[in-house]
Amino acid sequence: MKSATGAGEIEPALDILAYGEPMVEFNQTGEGGGRLYLQGFGGDSSNFAIAAARQGARVGYFSAVGDDPNGRMLRALWEEEGVDQRNVKTDSGAFTAIYFVTHGPEGHAFHFHRGGSAASRLTLTDVPRARIAAAKVLHLSGISLAISASACETGFAAIQAAREAGVKVSFDTNLRLKLWPLERARAVMRDVMRLADICLPSYDDVLALTGIAEPDALVDHCLALGAKTVALKLGERGAIVADAHQRHRIAPFPCKPVDATGAGDAFGGAFVARLVAGDSLLDAGRYAAAAAALSTEGYGAVAPIPRAAQVRAALERAQ
């Protein structure tokens, strides 16, 4: 599908257009007594976009970066990964967000520097309506909406543009209570789930949002709100994928994890990419579980995300 952008201009078709905040990552390694950090990349929606692109999807990104070295590194990354960045603006009055990942007995912890970032300053005038109309799926997350009031308003305008154009909406909860109060998050995410075609909640997120502890009941809750397809990520317990007509529990894929940073984003990007490619719900779920598991076998949110050939080889070995 293609959409006109003006006289003589045609938007290239996309499978997925993702919206949100990209970040540069500094991930603590086990060397130097914990004082050495590996520079990488993150931001849940950017991770999602790269994961989908590595599975063969045609992916674009809608965001902003600062006019700084970190923003230029992200642009080089998207260029290398084949993620279309024509809708990523450069904001010379703001910075590109960064974060640090530390590791301890209880797992990994995140420390962010993002308040006032370039992506948080996006407004309604930045919504690329023709670009959205040229995609099959618009993807965003709770973080996309939580980083600022204007980013939230922009996200809802993008959702409206998608629905008006007949474009599906994909939504990952990614609840971060350091960014907004629980009641605000609960209200906003409830509204988005009502509008979403594909909902990608994590168990801990929807437990905090709803108080419902039983996984199948959480899936029922998301479907009842209006989500057409739900992929509930259960971490070490695998996942549940469901729609109004079928439900499948996806077993955890065997792996040797060292860092789970971004695993949920890898799952989501792979899952939506395979749905767009025509996979059944069950096959897309199994594929995504394998991709997410493989992504935990290295440090960082982006570098360990597997490509399609790696995922397929792992699935064949597991048969």
Protein backbone atom coordinates (compact mmCIF):
# COMPACT_ATOMS: atom_id res chain seq x y z
CA MET A 1 0.00 0.00 0.00
CA LYS A 2 1.31 3.47 -0.86
CA SER A 3 0.09 6.89 0.08
CA ALA A 4 0.50 10.21 -1.66
CA THR A 5 2.39 12.88 0.31
CA GLY A 6 2.05 15.76 -2.09
CA ALA A 7 2.46 16.67 -5.73
CA GLY A 8 4.41 13.85 -7.31
CA GLU A 9 5.54 12.36 -3.99
CA ILE A 10 4.68 8.80 -2.94
CA GLU A 11 5.39 7.37 0.50
CA PRO A 12 7.24 4.02 0.26
CA ALA A 13 5.14 1.23 1.73
CA LEU A 14 6.05 0.04 5.22
CA ASP A 15 5.12 -3.03 7.19
CA ILE A 16 5.58 -1.25 10.52
CA LEU A 17 6.05 2.34 11.65
CA ALA A 18 7.16 2.59 15.29
CA TYR A 19 6.76 5.69 17.48
CA GLY A 20 8.69 6.48 20.65
CA GLU A 21 11.96 7.49 22.26
CA PRO A 22 15.33 6.06 21.19
CA MET A 23 18.18 5.95 23.70
CA VAL A 24 21.88 5.28 23.90
CA GLU A 25 22.72 2.56 26.42
CA PHE A 26 25.64 1.98 28.77
CA ASN A 27 25.46 -1.59 30.06
CA GLN A 28 27.54 -2.76 33.00
CA THR A 29 29.77 -5.72 32.20
CA GLY A 30 31.34 -8.18 34.59
CA GLU A 31 34.80 -6.69 34.05
CA GLY A 32 36.79 -4.15 36.02
CA GLY A 33 34.93 -4.77 39.23
CA GLY A 34 31.73 -3.49 37.65
CA ARG A 35 33.30 -0.21 36.51
CA LEU A 36 33.34 -1.04 32.80
CA TYR A 37 30.26 -0.36 30.67
CA LEU A 38 29.51 -1.48 27.13
CA GLN A 39 28.02 1.24 24.95
CA GLY A 40 24.98 0.10 23.03
CA PHE A 41 21.50 1.26 22.07
CA GLY A 42 18.02 1.07 23.50
CA GLY A 43 14.64 2.69 23.78
CA ASP A 44 11.84 0.16 23.63
CA SER A 45 10.26 1.29 20.37
CA SER A 46 13.64 1.52 18.62
CA ASN A 47 14.53 -1.96 19.90
CA PHE A 48 11.18 -3.18 18.58
CA ALA A 49 11.81 -1.59 15.18
CA ILE A 50 15.25 -3.17 14.86
CA ALA A 51 13.96 -6.58 15.99
CA ALA A 52 11.23 -6.43 13.34
CA ALA A 53 13.69 -5.29 10.66
CA ARG A 54 16.07 -8.15 11.48
CA GLN A 55 13.21 -10.57 10.81
CA GLY A 56 12.74 -9.10 7.34
CA ALA A 57 9.98 -6.54 7.90
CA ARG A 58 10.04 -3.13 6.20
CA VAL A 59 10.23 -0.79 9.18
CA GLY A 60 10.23 2.96 9.74
CA TYR A 61 10.70 5.04 12.89
CA PHE A 62 8.91 8.21 14.02
CA SER A 63 10.80 10.11 16.72
CA ALA A 64 13.38 12.82 17.41
CA VAL A 65 17.03 12.95 18.47
CA GLY A 66 19.28 15.76 19.58
CA ASP A 67 21.98 17.34 17.43
CA ASP A 68 24.64 15.47 19.39
CA PRO A 69 26.97 12.46 19.09
CA ASN A 70 24.41 10.11 20.62
CA GLY A 71 21.78 11.12 18.09
CA ARG A 72 24.25 10.63 15.26
CA MET A 73 25.16 7.17 16.57
CA LEU A 74 21.47 6.21 16.56
CA ARG A 75 21.05 7.46 13.01
CA ALA A 76 24.04 5.38 11.93
CA LEU A 77 22.50 2.37 13.68
CA TRP A 78 19.15 2.73 11.88
CA GLU A 79 20.95 3.19 8.58
CA GLU A 80 22.88 -0.03 9.17
CA GLU A 81 19.74 -1.90 10.25
CA GLY A 82 17.63 -0.72 7.33
CA VAL A 83 15.15 1.18 9.52
CA ASP A 84 13.70 4.12 7.58
CA GLN A 85 14.36 7.27 9.62
CA ARG A 86 12.89 9.99 7.41
CA ASN A 87 10.39 10.73 10.19
CA VAL A 88 13.06 11.12 12.88
CA LYS A 89 13.63 14.86 13.32
CA THR A 90 16.73 16.50 14.76
CA ASP A 91 15.95 18.87 17.64
CA SER A 92 18.95 21.17 18.12
CA GLY A 93 17.46 22.50 21.36
CA ALA A 94 17.32 19.13 23.13
CA PHE A 95 19.47 16.07 23.81
CA THR A 96 19.27 12.40 22.93
CA ALA A 97 18.22 10.32 25.95
CA ILE A 98 20.67 7.88 27.58
CA TYR A 99 20.46 5.19 30.25
CA PHE A 100 22.69 2.91 32.30
CA VAL A 101 22.07 -0.77 33.09
CA THR A 102 23.57 -2.32 36.23
CA HIS A 103 23.48 -6.00 37.18
CA GLY A 104 23.13 -7.57 40.62
CA PRO A 105 21.74 -10.59 42.48
CA GLU A 106 18.15 -9.50 41.76
CA GLY A 107 18.72 -8.97 38.04
CA HIS A 108 19.26 -5.83 36.01
CA ALA A 109 18.33 -2.27 36.99
CA PHE A 110 17.92 0.81 34.81
CA HIS A 111 19.03 4.39 35.48
CA PHE A 112 17.76 6.99 32.98
CA HIS A 113 18.66 10.50 31.84
CA ARG A 114 15.71 11.41 29.67
CA GLY A 115 13.68 14.33 31.09
CA GLY A 116 13.38 16.97 28.34
CA SER A 117 14.82 14.72 25.64
CA ALA A 118 14.28 15.46 21.97
CA ALA A 119 11.65 12.72 21.63
CA SER A 120 9.72 14.05 24.62
CA ARG A 121 9.25 17.37 22.77
CA LEU A 122 7.35 15.93 19.79
CA THR A 123 3.99 17.59 19.15
CA LEU A 124 0.87 17.12 17.04
CA THR A 125 2.48 18.94 14.12
CA ASP A 126 5.08 16.16 13.91
CA VAL A 127 2.56 13.35 13.27
CA PRO A 128 3.41 11.88 9.81
CA ARG A 129 -0.12 11.08 8.69
CA ALA A 130 0.79 10.05 5.14
CA ARG A 131 3.60 7.89 6.48
CA ILE A 132 1.24 6.17 8.90
CA ALA A 133 -1.25 5.58 6.10
CA ALA A 134 1.52 3.91 4.06
CA ALA A 135 2.15 1.32 6.79
CA LYS A 136 0.39 -1.88 7.74
CA VAL A 137 0.97 -1.46 11.49
CA LEU A 138 1.63 1.52 13.78
CA HIS A 139 3.50 0.48 16.92
CA LEU A 140 3.89 2.39 20.19
CA SER A 141 4.26 1.68 23.89
CA GLY A 142 3.43 2.93 27.34
CA ILE A 143 6.82 4.64 27.42
CA SER A 144 6.03 6.41 24.13
CA LEU A 145 3.07 7.99 25.93
CA ALA A 146 4.63 8.51 29.37
CA ILE A 147 7.71 10.60 28.60
CA SER A 148 5.72 13.87 28.36
CA ALA A 149 2.23 15.26 27.95
CA SER A 150 2.96 16.34 24.38
CA ALA A 151 4.38 12.91 23.49
CA CYS A 152 1.20 11.31 24.84
CA GLU A 153 -1.00 13.66 22.82
CA THR A 154 1.14 12.96 19.75
CA GLY A 155 0.79 9.22 20.28
CA PHE A 156 -2.99 9.39 20.44
CA ALA A 157 -3.07 11.53 17.30
CA ALA A 158 -0.94 8.91 15.55
CA ILE A 159 -3.36 6.18 16.68
CA GLN A 160 -6.29 8.20 15.34
CA ALA A 161 -4.49 8.67 12.00
CA ALA A 162 -3.84 4.91 11.83
CA ARG A 163 -7.44 3.99 12.52
CA GLU A 164 -8.73 6.51 9.99
CA ALA A 165 -6.41 4.95 7.37
CA GLY A 166 -7.31 1.36 8.21
CA VAL A 167 -3.82 0.72 9.64
CA LYS A 168 -3.52 -1.70 12.56
CA VAL A 169 -2.25 -0.47 15.94
CA SER A 170 0.26 -2.45 18.01
CA PHE A 171 0.75 -1.54 21.67
CA ASP A 172 3.26 -2.73 24.28
CA THR A 173 2.40 -1.75 27.86
CA ASN A 174 6.00 -1.26 29.10
CA LEU A 175 4.87 0.31 32.37
CA ARG A 176 7.45 2.64 33.96
CA LEU A 177 6.13 4.15 37.18
CA LYS A 178 9.10 6.53 37.39
CA LEU A 179 7.59 8.29 34.38
CA TRP A 180 3.97 8.67 35.52
CA PRO A 181 1.62 7.80 38.41
CA LEU A 182 -0.11 4.43 38.35
CA GLU A 183 -3.61 5.91 38.06
CA ARG A 184 -2.59 8.00 35.05
CA ALA A 185 -0.89 5.00 33.43
CA ARG A 186 -3.95 2.83 34.12
CA ALA A 187 -6.33 5.33 32.49
CA VAL A 188 -4.19 5.99 29.43
CA MET A 189 -3.35 2.34 28.78
CA ARG A 190 -6.97 1.29 29.15
CA ASP A 191 -7.87 3.78 26.42
CA VAL A 192 -5.08 2.55 24.14
CA MET A 193 -5.96 -1.12 24.62
CA ARG A 194 -9.49 -0.32 23.48
CA LEU A 195 -8.00 1.00 20.22
CA ALA A 196 -5.29 -1.64 19.71
CA ASP A 197 -5.40 -4.45 17.20
CA ILE A 198 -2.31 -6.13 18.72
CA CYS A 199 -1.62 -5.84 22.45
CA LEU A 200 1.76 -6.94 23.83
CA PRO A 201 1.50 -6.72 27.63
CA SER A 202 4.09 -7.98 30.08
CA TYR A 203 2.76 -9.93 33.05
CA ASP A 204 4.18 -7.62 35.73
CA ASP A 205 2.76 -4.58 33.91
CA VAL A 206 -0.82 -5.78 33.66
CA LEU A 207 -0.69 -7.23 37.17
CA ALA A 208 0.17 -3.74 38.46
CA LEU A 209 -2.43 -2.11 36.20
CA THR A 210 -5.30 -4.49 36.98
CA GLY A 211 -4.54 -6.45 40.14
CA ILE A 212 -5.38 -9.63 38.21
CA ALA A 213 -2.80 -12.34 38.90
CA GLU A 214 -4.00 -15.29 36.81
CA PRO A 215 -2.44 -15.13 33.30
CA ASP A 216 -5.48 -16.36 31.36
CA ALA A 217 -7.66 -13.88 33.23
CA LEU A 218 -5.24 -11.11 32.21
CA VAL A 219 -5.57 -12.17 28.58
CA ASP A 220 -9.36 -12.16 28.96
CA HIS A 221 -9.17 -8.66 30.42
CA CYS A 222 -7.17 -7.29 27.48
CA LEU A 223 -9.48 -8.92 24.95
CA ALA A 224 -12.53 -7.59 26.77
CA LEU A 225 -11.15 -4.06 26.61
CA GLY A 226 -11.05 -4.34 22.83
CA ALA A 227 -7.63 -5.65 21.82
CA LYS A 228 -8.06 -8.00 18.85
CA THR A 229 -4.87 -10.05 19.41
CA VAL A 230 -3.01 -10.41 22.72
CA ALA A 231 0.48 -11.75 23.35
CA LEU A 232 1.02 -11.84 27.11
CA LYS A 233 4.75 -12.06 27.88
CA LEU A 234 5.42 -14.23 30.93
CA GLY A 235 9.22 -14.03 31.04
CA GLU A 236 10.74 -17.32 32.11
CA ARG A 237 7.27 -18.94 31.87
CA GLY A 238 6.93 -18.25 28.15
CA ALA A 239 3.89 -16.48 26.74
CA ILE A 240 0.19 -16.78 25.94
CA VAL A 241 -1.06 -15.67 22.52
CA ALA A 242 -4.76 -15.32 21.90
CA ASP A 243 -7.56 -13.74 19.93
CA ALA A 244 -11.33 -14.14 20.07
CA HIS A 245 -11.17 -17.60 18.50
CA GLN A 246 -8.00 -19.30 19.76
CA ARG A 247 -5.51 -19.34 22.61
CA HIS A 248 -2.07 -20.95 22.83
CA ARG A 249 0.44 -21.20 25.66
CA ILE A 250 3.96 -20.80 24.30
CA ALA A 251 6.63 -22.68 26.22
CA PRO A 252 9.81 -20.78 27.12
CA PHE A 253 12.50 -21.36 24.53
CA PRO A 254 15.70 -22.90 25.99
CA CYS A 255 18.61 -20.47 26.25
CA LYS A 256 21.60 -19.45 28.39
CA PRO A 257 20.66 -15.92 29.48
CA VAL A 258 23.19 -13.32 30.63
CA ASP A 259 21.17 -10.10 30.18
CA ALA A 260 17.40 -9.81 29.66
CA THR A 261 17.53 -6.14 28.65
CA GLY A 262 15.16 -5.58 25.74
CA ALA A 263 13.94 -9.19 25.54
CA GLY A 264 10.31 -8.10 25.59
CA ASP A 265 10.97 -5.66 22.75
CA ALA A 266 12.64 -8.43 20.74
CA PHE A 267 9.58 -10.61 21.32
CA GLY A 268 7.21 -7.87 20.21
CA GLY A 269 9.15 -6.89 17.11
CA ALA A 270 9.50 -10.50 16.00
CA PHE A 271 5.86 -11.31 16.78
CA VAL A 272 4.41 -8.40 14.81
CA ALA A 273 6.86 -8.92 11.94
CA ARG A 274 5.76 -12.54 11.59
CA LEU A 275 2.05 -11.68 11.83
CA VAL A 276 2.51 -9.11 9.06
CA ALA A 277 4.34 -11.76 7.02
CA GLY A 278 1.29 -14.02 7.28
CA ASP A 279 2.22 -16.47 10.06
CA SER A 280 -0.50 -18.02 12.16
CA LEU A 281 -0.91 -16.76 15.70
CA LEU A 282 0.72 -19.91 17.08
CA ASP A 283 3.68 -19.84 14.68
CA ALA A 284 4.28 -16.13 15.31
CA GLY A 285 4.23 -16.76 19.06
CA ARG A 286 6.70 -19.61 18.88
CA TYR A 287 9.00 -17.62 16.61
CA ALA A 288 8.88 -14.58 18.89
CA ALA A 289 9.62 -16.67 21.99
CA ALA A 290 12.73 -18.06 20.30
CA ALA A 291 13.86 -14.59 19.17
CA ALA A 292 13.40 -13.17 22.67
CA ALA A 293 15.28 -16.05 24.29
CA LEU A 294 18.22 -15.71 21.91
CA SER A 295 18.35 -11.97 22.60
CA THR A 296 19.18 -12.67 26.28
CA GLU A 297 22.38 -14.54 25.43
CA GLY A 298 24.44 -11.35 25.03
CA TYR A 299 24.73 -7.96 26.70
CA GLY A 300 22.65 -4.98 25.65
CA ALA A 301 19.21 -4.39 24.22
CA VAL A 302 20.12 -4.37 20.51
CA ALA A 303 23.37 -6.19 19.73
CA PRO A 304 22.09 -9.69 20.72
CA ILE A 305 18.76 -9.44 18.85
CA PRO A 306 18.90 -12.37 16.42
CA ARG A 307 18.30 -12.21 12.71
CA ALA A 308 15.77 -14.40 10.94
CA ALA A 309 18.29 -17.06 9.91
CA GLN A 310 19.45 -17.46 13.53
CA VAL A 311 15.92 -17.80 14.82
CA ARG A 312 14.94 -20.35 12.19
CA ALA A 313 18.09 -22.38 12.84
CA ALA A 314 17.37 -22.39 16.58
CA LEU A 315 13.78 -23.49 16.00
CA GLU A 316 14.93 -26.33 13.77
CA ARG A 317 17.47 -27.50 16.37
CA ALA A 318 14.78 -27.50 19.04
CA GLN A 319 12.44 -29.78 17.07
